Amino acid sequence: LSWVSAVEVDGQLIQDEPEHSVLRYPPLPERKRVIIDGT
């Protein structure tokens, strides 16, 4: 549902999708981490 910039898997960054030129991306360290763990 969301055009997230990346997924962090066990500390490793995975970018399935390239960054789209129509969107503004903050620097990677400034991007908000959202933990999905089932809880």
Full PDB file with SEQRES, HELIX, SHEET, SSBOND, CRYST1, ORIGX, SCALE, CONECT and MASTER records, all heavy atoms in Angstrom:
SEQRES   1 A   39  LEU SER TRP VAL SER ALA VAL GLU VAL ASP GLY GLN LEU          
SEQRES   2 A   39  ILE GLN ASP GLU PRO GLU HIS SER VAL LEU ARG TYR PRO          
SEQRES   3 A   39  PRO LEU PRO GLU ARG LYS ARG VAL ILE ILE ASP GLY THR          
HELIX    1 AA1 LEU A   28  GLU A   30  5                                   3    
SHEET    1 AA1 2 VAL A   7  VAL A   9  0                                        
SHEET    2 AA1 2 GLN A  12  ILE A  14 -1                                        
CRYST1    1.000    1.000    1.000  90.00  90.00  90.00 P 1           1          
ORIGX1      1.000000  0.000000  0.000000        0.00000                         
ORIGX2      0.000000  1.000000  0.000000        0.00000                         
ORIGX3      0.000000  0.000000  1.000000        0.00000                         
SCALE1      1.000000  0.000000  0.000000        0.00000                         
SCALE2      0.000000  1.000000  0.000000        0.00000                         
SCALE3      0.000000  0.000000  1.000000        0.00000                         
ATOM      1  N   LEU A   1       0.811  -1.223   0.000  1.00  0.00           N  
ATOM      2  CA  LEU A   1       0.000   0.000   0.000  1.00  0.00           C  
ATOM      3  C   LEU A   1       0.843   1.271   0.000  1.00  0.00           C  
ATOM      4  O   LEU A   1       0.382   2.319  -0.416  1.00  0.00           O  
ATOM      5  CB  LEU A   1      -0.920   0.031   1.217  1.00  0.00           C  
ATOM      6  CG  LEU A   1      -2.100  -0.921   1.196  1.00  0.00           C  
ATOM      7  CD1 LEU A   1      -2.873  -0.808   2.501  1.00  0.00           C  
ATOM      8  CD2 LEU A   1      -3.012  -0.636   0.019  1.00  0.00           C  
ATOM      9  N   SER A   2       2.041   1.189   0.491  1.00  0.00           N  
ATOM     10  CA  SER A   2       2.866   2.374   0.674  1.00  0.00           C  
ATOM     11  C   SER A   2       4.127   2.298  -0.177  1.00  0.00           C  
ATOM     12  O   SER A   2       4.727   1.246  -0.316  1.00  0.00           O  
ATOM     13  CB  SER A   2       3.269   2.487   2.149  1.00  0.00           C  
ATOM     14  OG  SER A   2       4.136   3.569   2.340  1.00  0.00           O  
ATOM     15  N   TRP A   3       4.523   3.407  -0.732  1.00  0.00           N  
ATOM     16  CA  TRP A   3       5.783   3.479  -1.486  1.00  0.00           C  
ATOM     17  C   TRP A   3       6.907   3.752  -0.501  1.00  0.00           C  
ATOM     18  O   TRP A   3       7.516   4.812  -0.513  1.00  0.00           O  
ATOM     19  CB  TRP A   3       5.731   4.586  -2.511  1.00  0.00           C  
ATOM     20  CG  TRP A   3       4.860   4.312  -3.684  1.00  0.00           C  
ATOM     21  CD1 TRP A   3       3.872   3.382  -3.773  1.00  0.00           C  
ATOM     22  CD2 TRP A   3       4.896   4.972  -4.935  1.00  0.00           C  
ATOM     23  NE1 TRP A   3       3.289   3.435  -4.999  1.00  0.00           N  
ATOM     24  CE2 TRP A   3       3.891   4.408  -5.737  1.00  0.00           C  
ATOM     25  CE3 TRP A   3       5.664   6.006  -5.457  1.00  0.00           C  
ATOM     26  CZ2 TRP A   3       3.656   4.827  -7.035  1.00  0.00           C  
ATOM     27  CZ3 TRP A   3       5.421   6.428  -6.745  1.00  0.00           C  
ATOM     28  CH2 TRP A   3       4.432   5.834  -7.537  1.00  0.00           C  
ATOM     29  N   VAL A   4       7.169   2.798   0.362  1.00  0.00           N  
ATOM     30  CA  VAL A   4       8.248   2.985   1.320  1.00  0.00           C  
ATOM     31  C   VAL A   4       9.574   2.990   0.583  1.00  0.00           C  
ATOM     32  O   VAL A   4       9.699   2.451  -0.506  1.00  0.00           O  
ATOM     33  CB  VAL A   4       8.266   1.896   2.418  1.00  0.00           C  
ATOM     34  CG1 VAL A   4       6.996   1.939   3.225  1.00  0.00           C  
ATOM     35  CG2 VAL A   4       8.489   0.524   1.846  1.00  0.00           C  
ATOM     36  N   SER A   5      10.545   3.599   1.198  1.00  0.00           N  
ATOM     37  CA  SER A   5      11.838   3.720   0.539  1.00  0.00           C  
ATOM     38  C   SER A   5      12.652   2.449   0.613  1.00  0.00           C  
ATOM     39  O   SER A   5      13.426   2.148  -0.287  1.00  0.00           O  
ATOM     40  CB  SER A   5      12.632   4.870   1.144  1.00  0.00           C  
ATOM     41  OG  SER A   5      12.887   4.623   2.514  1.00  0.00           O  
ATOM     42  N   ALA A   6      12.467   1.669   1.691  1.00  0.00           N  
ATOM     43  CA  ALA A   6      13.302   0.485   1.864  1.00  0.00           C  
ATOM     44  C   ALA A   6      12.744  -0.388   2.983  1.00  0.00           C  
ATOM     45  O   ALA A   6      11.861   0.021   3.730  1.00  0.00           O  
ATOM     46  CB  ALA A   6      14.727   0.897   2.203  1.00  0.00           C  
ATOM     47  N   VAL A   7      13.316  -1.571   3.081  1.00  0.00           N  
ATOM     48  CA  VAL A   7      13.036  -2.480   4.185  1.00  0.00           C  
ATOM     49  C   VAL A   7      14.382  -2.814   4.814  1.00  0.00           C  
ATOM     50  O   VAL A   7      15.353  -3.086   4.112  1.00  0.00           O  
ATOM     51  CB  VAL A   7      12.352  -3.781   3.692  1.00  0.00           C  
ATOM     52  CG1 VAL A   7      12.114  -4.731   4.854  1.00  0.00           C  
ATOM     53  CG2 VAL A   7      11.052  -3.467   2.991  1.00  0.00           C  
ATOM     54  N   GLU A   8      14.425  -2.765   6.137  1.00  0.00           N  
ATOM     55  CA  GLU A   8      15.639  -3.127   6.857  1.00  0.00           C  
ATOM     56  C   GLU A   8      15.433  -4.525   7.433  1.00  0.00           C  
ATOM     57  O   GLU A   8      14.534  -4.744   8.241  1.00  0.00           O  
ATOM     58  CB  GLU A   8      15.898  -2.115   7.969  1.00  0.00           C  
ATOM     59  CG  GLU A   8      17.216  -2.284   8.663  1.00  0.00           C  
ATOM     60  CD  GLU A   8      17.423  -1.200   9.701  1.00  0.00           C  
ATOM     61  OE1 GLU A   8      17.434  -0.011   9.339  1.00  0.00           O  
ATOM     62  OE2 GLU A   8      17.570  -1.562  10.887  1.00  0.00           O  
ATOM     63  N   VAL A   9      16.239  -5.467   6.966  1.00  0.00           N  
ATOM     64  CA  VAL A   9      16.116  -6.861   7.374  1.00  0.00           C  
ATOM     65  C   VAL A   9      17.356  -7.249   8.163  1.00  0.00           C  
ATOM     66  O   VAL A   9      18.457  -7.279   7.602  1.00  0.00           O  
ATOM     67  CB  VAL A   9      15.950  -7.784   6.148  1.00  0.00           C  
ATOM     68  CG1 VAL A   9      15.814  -9.229   6.593  1.00  0.00           C  
ATOM     69  CG2 VAL A   9      14.769  -7.353   5.296  1.00  0.00           C  
ATOM     70  N   ASP A  10      17.163  -7.503   9.442  1.00  0.00           N  
ATOM     71  CA  ASP A  10      18.288  -7.847  10.321  1.00  0.00           C  
ATOM     72  C   ASP A  10      19.450  -6.866  10.152  1.00  0.00           C  
ATOM     73  O   ASP A  10      20.611  -7.260  10.070  1.00  0.00           O  
ATOM     74  CB  ASP A  10      18.755  -9.283  10.073  1.00  0.00           C  
ATOM     75  CG  ASP A  10      17.758 -10.320  10.543  1.00  0.00           C  
ATOM     76  OD1 ASP A  10      16.924  -9.983  11.416  1.00  0.00           O  
ATOM     77  OD2 ASP A  10      17.809 -11.461  10.054  1.00  0.00           O  
ATOM     78  N   GLY A  11      19.115  -5.576  10.056  1.00  0.00           N  
ATOM     79  CA  GLY A  11      20.132  -4.532   9.954  1.00  0.00           C  
ATOM     80  C   GLY A  11      20.614  -4.228   8.548  1.00  0.00           C  
ATOM     81  O   GLY A  11      21.332  -3.262   8.336  1.00  0.00           O  
ATOM     82  N   GLN A  12      20.202  -5.015   7.561  1.00  0.00           N  
ATOM     83  CA  GLN A  12      20.627  -4.786   6.172  1.00  0.00           C  
ATOM     84  C   GLN A  12      19.499  -4.104   5.414  1.00  0.00           C  
ATOM     85  O   GLN A  12      18.356  -4.546   5.434  1.00  0.00           O  
ATOM     86  CB  GLN A  12      20.977  -6.111   5.499  1.00  0.00           C  
ATOM     87  CG  GLN A  12      21.424  -5.955   4.075  1.00  0.00           C  
ATOM     88  CD  GLN A  12      21.766  -7.289   3.425  1.00  0.00           C  
ATOM     89  OE1 GLN A  12      21.760  -8.337   4.071  1.00  0.00           O  
ATOM     90  NE2 GLN A  12      22.071  -7.253   2.158  1.00  0.00           N  
ATOM     91  N   LEU A  13      19.831  -3.029   4.708  1.00  0.00           N  
ATOM     92  CA  LEU A  13      18.852  -2.260   3.959  1.00  0.00           C  
ATOM     93  C   LEU A  13      18.603  -2.891   2.598  1.00  0.00           C  
ATOM     94  O   LEU A  13      19.541  -3.183   1.857  1.00  0.00           O  
ATOM     95  CB  LEU A  13      19.355  -0.826   3.790  1.00  0.00           C  
ATOM     96  CG  LEU A  13      18.306   0.244   3.609  1.00  0.00           C  
ATOM     97  CD1 LEU A  13      17.367   0.313   4.784  1.00  0.00           C  
ATOM     98  CD2 LEU A  13      18.967   1.582   3.377  1.00  0.00           C  
ATOM     99  N   ILE A  14      17.337  -3.095   2.263  1.00  0.00           N  
ATOM    100  CA  ILE A  14      16.943  -3.644   0.969  1.00  0.00           C  
ATOM    101  C   ILE A  14      16.014  -2.636   0.306  1.00  0.00           C  
ATOM    102  O   ILE A  14      15.027  -2.223   0.910  1.00  0.00           O  
ATOM    103  CB  ILE A  14      16.224  -5.000   1.134  1.00  0.00           C  
ATOM    104  CG1 ILE A  14      17.157  -6.022   1.760  1.00  0.00           C  
ATOM    105  CG2 ILE A  14      15.676  -5.495  -0.203  1.00  0.00           C  
ATOM    106  CD1 ILE A  14      16.487  -7.323   2.139  1.00  0.00           C  
ATOM    107  N   GLN A  15      16.349  -2.258  -0.904  1.00  0.00           N  
ATOM    108  CA  GLN A  15      15.495  -1.348  -1.663  1.00  0.00           C  
ATOM    109  C   GLN A  15      14.973  -2.094  -2.883  1.00  0.00           C  
ATOM    110  O   GLN A  15      15.667  -2.214  -3.885  1.00  0.00           O  
ATOM    111  CB  GLN A  15      16.260  -0.084  -2.052  1.00  0.00           C  
ATOM    112  CG  GLN A  15      16.579   0.791  -0.855  1.00  0.00           C  
ATOM    113  CD  GLN A  15      17.273   2.079  -1.220  1.00  0.00           C  
ATOM    114  OE1 GLN A  15      18.475   2.092  -1.414  1.00  0.00           O  
ATOM    115  NE2 GLN A  15      16.498   3.140  -1.312  1.00  0.00           N  
ATOM    116  N   ASP A  16      13.744  -2.606  -2.780  1.00  0.00           N  
ATOM    117  CA  ASP A  16      13.105  -3.322  -3.886  1.00  0.00           C  
ATOM    118  C   ASP A  16      12.805  -2.391  -5.050  1.00  0.00           C  
ATOM    119  O   ASP A  16      12.873  -2.787  -6.200  1.00  0.00           O  
ATOM    120  CB  ASP A  16      11.785  -3.947  -3.426  1.00  0.00           C  
ATOM    121  CG  ASP A  16      11.909  -5.394  -3.023  1.00  0.00           C  
ATOM    122  OD1 ASP A  16      12.995  -5.970  -3.191  1.00  0.00           O  
ATOM    123  OD2 ASP A  16      10.918  -5.945  -2.523  1.00  0.00           O  
ATOM    124  N   GLU A  17      12.423  -1.194  -4.708  1.00  0.00           N  
ATOM    125  CA  GLU A  17      12.024  -0.211  -5.713  1.00  0.00           C  
ATOM    126  C   GLU A  17      13.068   0.899  -5.806  1.00  0.00           C  
ATOM    127  O   GLU A  17      13.600   1.341  -4.791  1.00  0.00           O  
ATOM    128  CB  GLU A  17      10.688   0.432  -5.330  1.00  0.00           C  
ATOM    129  CG  GLU A  17       9.517  -0.515  -5.369  1.00  0.00           C  
ATOM    130  CD  GLU A  17       9.121  -0.886  -6.779  1.00  0.00           C  
ATOM    131  OE1 GLU A  17       9.239  -0.034  -7.682  1.00  0.00           O  
ATOM    132  OE2 GLU A  17       8.702  -2.038  -6.983  1.00  0.00           O  
ATOM    133  N   PRO A  18      13.347   1.362  -7.019  1.00  0.00           N  
ATOM    134  CA  PRO A  18      14.250   2.508  -7.136  1.00  0.00           C  
ATOM    135  C   PRO A  18      13.574   3.766  -6.604  1.00  0.00           C  
ATOM    136  O   PRO A  18      12.345   3.827  -6.528  1.00  0.00           O  
ATOM    137  CB  PRO A  18      14.493   2.613  -8.647  1.00  0.00           C  
ATOM    138  CG  PRO A  18      13.282   1.997  -9.265  1.00  0.00           C  
ATOM    139  CD  PRO A  18      12.832   0.915  -8.308  1.00  0.00           C  
ATOM    140  N   GLU A  19      14.357   4.727  -6.222  1.00  0.00           N  
ATOM    141  CA  GLU A  19      13.780   5.990  -5.775  1.00  0.00           C  
ATOM    142  C   GLU A  19      13.179   6.700  -6.980  1.00  0.00           C  
ATOM    143  O   GLU A  19      13.799   6.794  -8.034  1.00  0.00           O  
ATOM    144  CB  GLU A  19      14.849   6.841  -5.091  1.00  0.00           C  
ATOM    145  CG  GLU A  19      15.298   6.232  -3.774  1.00  0.00           C  
ATOM    146  CD  GLU A  19      16.238   7.113  -2.977  1.00  0.00           C  
ATOM    147  OE1 GLU A  19      16.556   8.232  -3.429  1.00  0.00           O  
ATOM    148  OE2 GLU A  19      16.648   6.678  -1.893  1.00  0.00           O  
ATOM    149  N   HIS A  20      11.950   7.157  -6.825  1.00  0.00           N  
ATOM    150  CA  HIS A  20      11.219   7.806  -7.907  1.00  0.00           C  
ATOM    151  C   HIS A  20      11.510   9.304  -7.903  1.00  0.00           C  
ATOM    152  O   HIS A  20      11.475   9.943  -6.846  1.00  0.00           O  
ATOM    153  CB  HIS A  20       9.720   7.551  -7.756  1.00  0.00           C  
ATOM    154  CG  HIS A  20       9.372   6.086  -7.755  1.00  0.00           C  
ATOM    155  ND1 HIS A  20       9.217   5.371  -8.914  1.00  0.00           N  
ATOM    156  CD2 HIS A  20       9.178   5.212  -6.738  1.00  0.00           C  
ATOM    157  CE1 HIS A  20       8.930   4.112  -8.618  1.00  0.00           C  
ATOM    158  NE2 HIS A  20       8.904   3.988  -7.300  1.00  0.00           N  
ATOM    159  N   SER A  21      11.753   9.835  -9.066  1.00  0.00           N  
ATOM    160  CA  SER A  21      12.151  11.241  -9.169  1.00  0.00           C  
ATOM    161  C   SER A  21      11.051  12.216  -8.752  1.00  0.00           C  
ATOM    162  O   SER A  21      11.332  13.357  -8.423  1.00  0.00           O  
ATOM    163  CB  SER A  21      12.607  11.553 -10.594  1.00  0.00           C  
ATOM    164  OG  SER A  21      11.545  11.331 -11.507  1.00  0.00           O  
ATOM    165  N   VAL A  22       9.806  11.776  -8.742  1.00  0.00           N  
ATOM    166  CA  VAL A  22       8.710  12.676  -8.364  1.00  0.00           C  
ATOM    167  C   VAL A  22       8.541  12.801  -6.854  1.00  0.00           C  
ATOM    168  O   VAL A  22       7.776  13.635  -6.388  1.00  0.00           O  
ATOM    169  CB  VAL A  22       7.371  12.231  -8.992  1.00  0.00           C  
ATOM    170  CG1 VAL A  22       7.423  12.307 -10.490  1.00  0.00           C  
ATOM    171  CG2 VAL A  22       6.982  10.856  -8.522  1.00  0.00           C  
ATOM    172  N   LEU A  23       9.242  11.977  -6.088  1.00  0.00           N  
ATOM    173  CA  LEU A  23       9.132  12.012  -4.628  1.00  0.00           C  
ATOM    174  C   LEU A  23      10.409  12.566  -4.010  1.00  0.00           C  
ATOM    175  O   LEU A  23      11.483  12.431  -4.575  1.00  0.00           O  
ATOM    176  CB  LEU A  23       8.874  10.602  -4.080  1.00  0.00           C  
ATOM    177  CG  LEU A  23       7.602   9.916  -4.559  1.00  0.00           C  
ATOM    178  CD1 LEU A  23       7.557   8.485  -4.052  1.00  0.00           C  
ATOM    179  CD2 LEU A  23       6.368  10.676  -4.124  1.00  0.00           C  
ATOM    180  N   ARG A  24      10.261  13.163  -2.855  1.00  0.00           N  
ATOM    181  CA  ARG A  24      11.429  13.664  -2.115  1.00  0.00           C  
ATOM    182  C   ARG A  24      11.779  12.656  -1.025  1.00  0.00           C  
ATOM    183  O   ARG A  24      10.949  12.309  -0.191  1.00  0.00           O  
ATOM    184  CB  ARG A  24      11.124  15.007  -1.479  1.00  0.00           C  
ATOM    185  CG  ARG A  24      10.965  16.093  -2.489  1.00  0.00           C  
ATOM    186  CD  ARG A  24      10.837  17.418  -1.788  1.00  0.00           C  
ATOM    187  NE  ARG A  24      10.696  18.464  -2.789  1.00  0.00           N  
ATOM    188  CZ  ARG A  24      10.257  19.650  -2.531  1.00  0.00           C  
ATOM    189  NH1 ARG A  24       9.917  19.970  -1.306  1.00  0.00           N  
ATOM    190  NH2 ARG A  24      10.161  20.546  -3.481  1.00  0.00           N  
ATOM    191  N   TYR A  25      13.020  12.226  -1.038  1.00  0.00           N  
ATOM    192  CA  TYR A  25      13.498  11.243  -0.073  1.00  0.00           C  
ATOM    193  C   TYR A  25      14.470  11.909   0.893  1.00  0.00           C  
ATOM    194  O   TYR A  25      15.454  12.498   0.450  1.00  0.00           O  
ATOM    195  CB  TYR A  25      14.231  10.099  -0.782  1.00  0.00           C  
ATOM    196  CG  TYR A  25      13.351   9.259  -1.667  1.00  0.00           C  
ATOM    197  CD1 TYR A  25      13.052   9.650  -2.960  1.00  0.00           C  
ATOM    198  CD2 TYR A  25      12.816   8.061  -1.200  1.00  0.00           C  
ATOM    199  CE1 TYR A  25      12.242   8.867  -3.775  1.00  0.00           C  
ATOM    200  CE2 TYR A  25      12.016   7.271  -2.001  1.00  0.00           C  
ATOM    201  CZ  TYR A  25      11.727   7.686  -3.291  1.00  0.00           C  
ATOM    202  OH  TYR A  25      10.929   6.911  -4.086  1.00  0.00           O  
ATOM    203  N   PRO A  26      14.224  11.804   2.182  1.00  0.00           N  
ATOM    204  CA  PRO A  26      15.218  12.305   3.132  1.00  0.00           C  
ATOM    205  C   PRO A  26      16.447  11.398   3.089  1.00  0.00           C  
ATOM    206  O   PRO A  26      16.362  10.260   2.618  1.00  0.00           O  
ATOM    207  CB  PRO A  26      14.509  12.217   4.478  1.00  0.00           C  
ATOM    208  CG  PRO A  26      13.304  11.386   4.287  1.00  0.00           C  
ATOM    209  CD  PRO A  26      13.038  11.273   2.819  1.00  0.00           C  
ATOM    210  N   PRO A  27      17.577  11.863   3.590  1.00  0.00           N  
ATOM    211  CA  PRO A  27      18.752  10.985   3.666  1.00  0.00           C  
ATOM    212  C   PRO A  27      18.398   9.721   4.456  1.00  0.00           C  
ATOM    213  O   PRO A  27      17.595   9.760   5.399  1.00  0.00           O  
ATOM    214  CB  PRO A  27      19.792  11.824   4.405  1.00  0.00           C  
ATOM    215  CG  PRO A  27      19.342  13.240   4.219  1.00  0.00           C  
ATOM    216  CD  PRO A  27      17.849  13.199   4.117  1.00  0.00           C  
ATOM    217  N   LEU A  28      18.985   8.592   4.096  1.00  0.00           N  
ATOM    218  CA  LEU A  28      18.653   7.305   4.730  1.00  0.00           C  
ATOM    219  C   LEU A  28      18.668   7.336   6.256  1.00  0.00           C  
ATOM    220  O   LEU A  28      17.744   6.822   6.887  1.00  0.00           O  
ATOM    221  CB  LEU A  28      19.569   6.199   4.214  1.00  0.00           C  
ATOM    222  CG  LEU A  28      19.094   5.523   2.931  1.00  0.00           C  
ATOM    223  CD1 LEU A  28      20.165   4.591   2.382  1.00  0.00           C  
ATOM    224  CD2 LEU A  28      17.810   4.769   3.164  1.00  0.00           C  
ATOM    225  N   PRO A  29      19.682   7.935   6.893  1.00  0.00           N  
ATOM    226  CA  PRO A  29      19.678   7.930   8.361  1.00  0.00           C  
ATOM    227  C   PRO A  29      18.507   8.688   8.985  1.00  0.00           C  
ATOM    228  O   PRO A  29      18.147   8.448  10.128  1.00  0.00           O  
ATOM    229  CB  PRO A  29      21.005   8.594   8.734  1.00  0.00           C  
ATOM    230  CG  PRO A  29      21.847   8.511   7.510  1.00  0.00           C  
ATOM    231  CD  PRO A  29      20.912   8.494   6.349  1.00  0.00           C  
ATOM    232  N   GLU A  30      17.882   9.588   8.220  1.00  0.00           N  
ATOM    233  CA  GLU A  30      16.781  10.398   8.745  1.00  0.00           C  
ATOM    234  C   GLU A  30      15.410   9.794   8.477  1.00  0.00           C  
ATOM    235  O   GLU A  30      14.404  10.319   8.935  1.00  0.00           O  
ATOM    236  CB  GLU A  30      16.838  11.804   8.139  1.00  0.00           C  
ATOM    237  CG  GLU A  30      18.060  12.580   8.557  1.00  0.00           C  
ATOM    238  CD  GLU A  30      18.157  13.924   7.863  1.00  0.00           C  
ATOM    239  OE1 GLU A  30      17.136  14.419   7.344  1.00  0.00           O  
ATOM    240  OE2 GLU A  30      19.268  14.480   7.831  1.00  0.00           O  
ATOM    241  N   ARG A  31      15.359   8.702   7.748  1.00  0.00           N  
ATOM    242  CA  ARG A  31      14.070   8.092   7.442  1.00  0.00           C  
ATOM    243  C   ARG A  31      13.522   7.375   8.671  1.00  0.00           C  
ATOM    244  O   ARG A  31      14.251   6.779   9.451  1.00  0.00           O  
ATOM    245  CB  ARG A  31      14.199   7.133   6.260  1.00  0.00           C  
ATOM    246  CG  ARG A  31      14.564   7.894   4.999  1.00  0.00           C  
ATOM    247  CD  ARG A  31      14.696   7.026   3.792  1.00  0.00           C  
ATOM    248  NE  ARG A  31      15.338   7.801   2.727  1.00  0.00           N  
ATOM    249  CZ  ARG A  31      15.654   7.312   1.557  1.00  0.00           C  
ATOM    250  NH1 ARG A  31      15.393   6.049   1.258  1.00  0.00           N  
ATOM    251  NH2 ARG A  31      16.236   8.082   0.656  1.00  0.00           N  
ATOM    252  N   LYS A  32      12.213   7.454   8.828  1.00  0.00           N  
ATOM    253  CA  LYS A  32      11.537   6.891   9.997  1.00  0.00           C  
ATOM    254  C   LYS A  32      11.484   5.369   9.886  1.00  0.00           C  
ATOM    255  O   LYS A  32      11.009   4.825   8.905  1.00  0.00           O  
ATOM    256  CB  LYS A  32      10.128   7.461  10.080  1.00  0.00           C  
ATOM    257  CG  LYS A  32       9.367   7.045  11.296  1.00  0.00           C  
ATOM    258  CD  LYS A  32       8.022   7.749  11.323  1.00  0.00           C  
ATOM    259  CE  LYS A  32       7.280   7.408  12.581  1.00  0.00           C  
ATOM    260  NZ  LYS A  32       6.026   8.143  12.660  1.00  0.00           N  
ATOM    261  N   ARG A  33      11.982   4.697  10.903  1.00  0.00           N  
ATOM    262  CA  ARG A  33      11.949   3.233  10.969  1.00  0.00           C  
ATOM    263  C   ARG A  33      10.631   2.796  11.598  1.00  0.00           C  
ATOM    264  O   ARG A  33      10.249   3.298  12.654  1.00  0.00           O  
ATOM    265  CB  ARG A  33      13.092   2.697  11.818  1.00  0.00           C  
ATOM    266  CG  ARG A  33      14.412   2.357  11.174  1.00  0.00           C  
ATOM    267  CD  ARG A  33      14.862   3.227  10.114  1.00  0.00           C  
ATOM    268  NE  ARG A  33      16.139   2.753   9.532  1.00  0.00           N  
ATOM    269  CZ  ARG A  33      16.817   3.456   8.681  1.00  0.00           C  
ATOM    270  NH1 ARG A  33      16.382   4.636   8.294  1.00  0.00           N  
ATOM    271  NH2 ARG A  33      17.931   2.986   8.171  1.00  0.00           N  
ATOM    272  N   VAL A  34       9.950   1.855  10.941  1.00  0.00           N  
ATOM    273  CA  VAL A  34       8.700   1.310  11.448  1.00  0.00           C  
ATOM    274  C   VAL A  34       8.908  -0.187  11.645  1.00  0.00           C  
ATOM    275  O   VAL A  34       9.110  -0.918  10.681  1.00  0.00           O  
ATOM    276  CB  VAL A  34       7.533   1.578  10.475  1.00  0.00           C  
ATOM    277  CG1 VAL A  34       6.253   0.944  10.988  1.00  0.00           C  
ATOM    278  CG2 VAL A  34       7.350   3.070  10.253  1.00  0.00           C  
ATOM    279  N   ILE A  35       8.892  -0.616  12.889  1.00  0.00           N  
ATOM    280  CA  ILE A  35       9.129  -2.019  13.224  1.00  0.00           C  
ATOM    281  C   ILE A  35       7.836  -2.811  13.052  1.00  0.00           C  
ATOM    282  O   ILE A  35       6.804  -2.447  13.623  1.00  0.00           O  
ATOM    283  CB  ILE A  35       9.658  -2.165  14.657  1.00  0.00           C  
ATOM    284  CG1 ILE A  35      10.974  -1.398  14.816  1.00  0.00           C  
ATOM    285  CG2 ILE A  35       9.825  -3.638  15.031  1.00  0.00           C  
ATOM    286  CD1 ILE A  35      11.432  -1.247  16.236  1.00  0.00           C  
ATOM    287  N   ILE A  36       7.907  -3.870  12.277  1.00  0.00           N  
ATOM    288  CA  ILE A  36       6.765  -4.772  12.098  1.00  0.00           C  
ATOM    289  C   ILE A  36       7.189  -6.121  12.665  1.00  0.00           C  
ATOM    290  O   ILE A  36       8.035  -6.804  12.095  1.00  0.00           O  
ATOM    291  CB  ILE A  36       6.366  -4.892  10.616  1.00  0.00           C  
ATOM    292  CG1 ILE A  36       5.947  -3.517  10.065  1.00  0.00           C  
ATOM    293  CG2 ILE A  36       5.255  -5.910  10.440  1.00  0.00           C  
ATOM    294  CD1 ILE A  36       5.598  -3.515   8.596  1.00  0.00           C  
ATOM    295  N   ASP A  37       6.587  -6.470  13.814  1.00  0.00           N  
ATOM    296  CA  ASP A  37       6.982  -7.721  14.472  1.00  0.00           C  
ATOM    297  C   ASP A  37       5.795  -8.566  14.914  1.00  0.00           C  
ATOM    298  O   ASP A  37       5.953  -9.561  15.618  1.00  0.00           O  
ATOM    299  CB  ASP A  37       7.901  -7.439  15.659  1.00  0.00           C  
ATOM    300  CG  ASP A  37       7.227  -6.658  16.767  1.00  0.00           C  
ATOM    301  OD1 ASP A  37       6.021  -6.326  16.630  1.00  0.00           O  
ATOM    302  OD2 ASP A  37       7.883  -6.376  17.775  1.00  0.00           O  
ATOM    303  N   GLY A  38       4.600  -8.149  14.513  1.00  0.00           N  
ATOM    304  CA  GLY A  38       3.413  -8.925  14.861  1.00  0.00           C  
ATOM    305  C   GLY A  38       2.787  -8.569  16.181  1.00  0.00           C  
ATOM    306  O   GLY A  38       1.757  -9.107  16.550  1.00  0.00           O  
ATOM    307  N   THR A  39       3.407  -7.679  16.930  1.00  0.00           N  
ATOM    308  CA  THR A  39       2.848  -7.257  18.216  1.00  0.00           C  
ATOM    309  C   THR A  39       2.246  -5.857  18.125  1.00  0.00           C  
ATOM    310  O   THR A  39       1.840  -5.303  19.126  1.00  0.00           O  
ATOM    311  CB  THR A  39       3.928  -7.264  19.322  1.00  0.00           C  
ATOM    312  OG1 THR A  39       4.949  -6.330  18.985  1.00  0.00           O  
ATOM    313  CG2 THR A  39       4.514  -8.659  19.484  1.00  0.00           C  
TER     314      THR A  39                                                      
MASTER        0    0    0    1    2    0    0    6  313    1    0    3          
END                                                                             
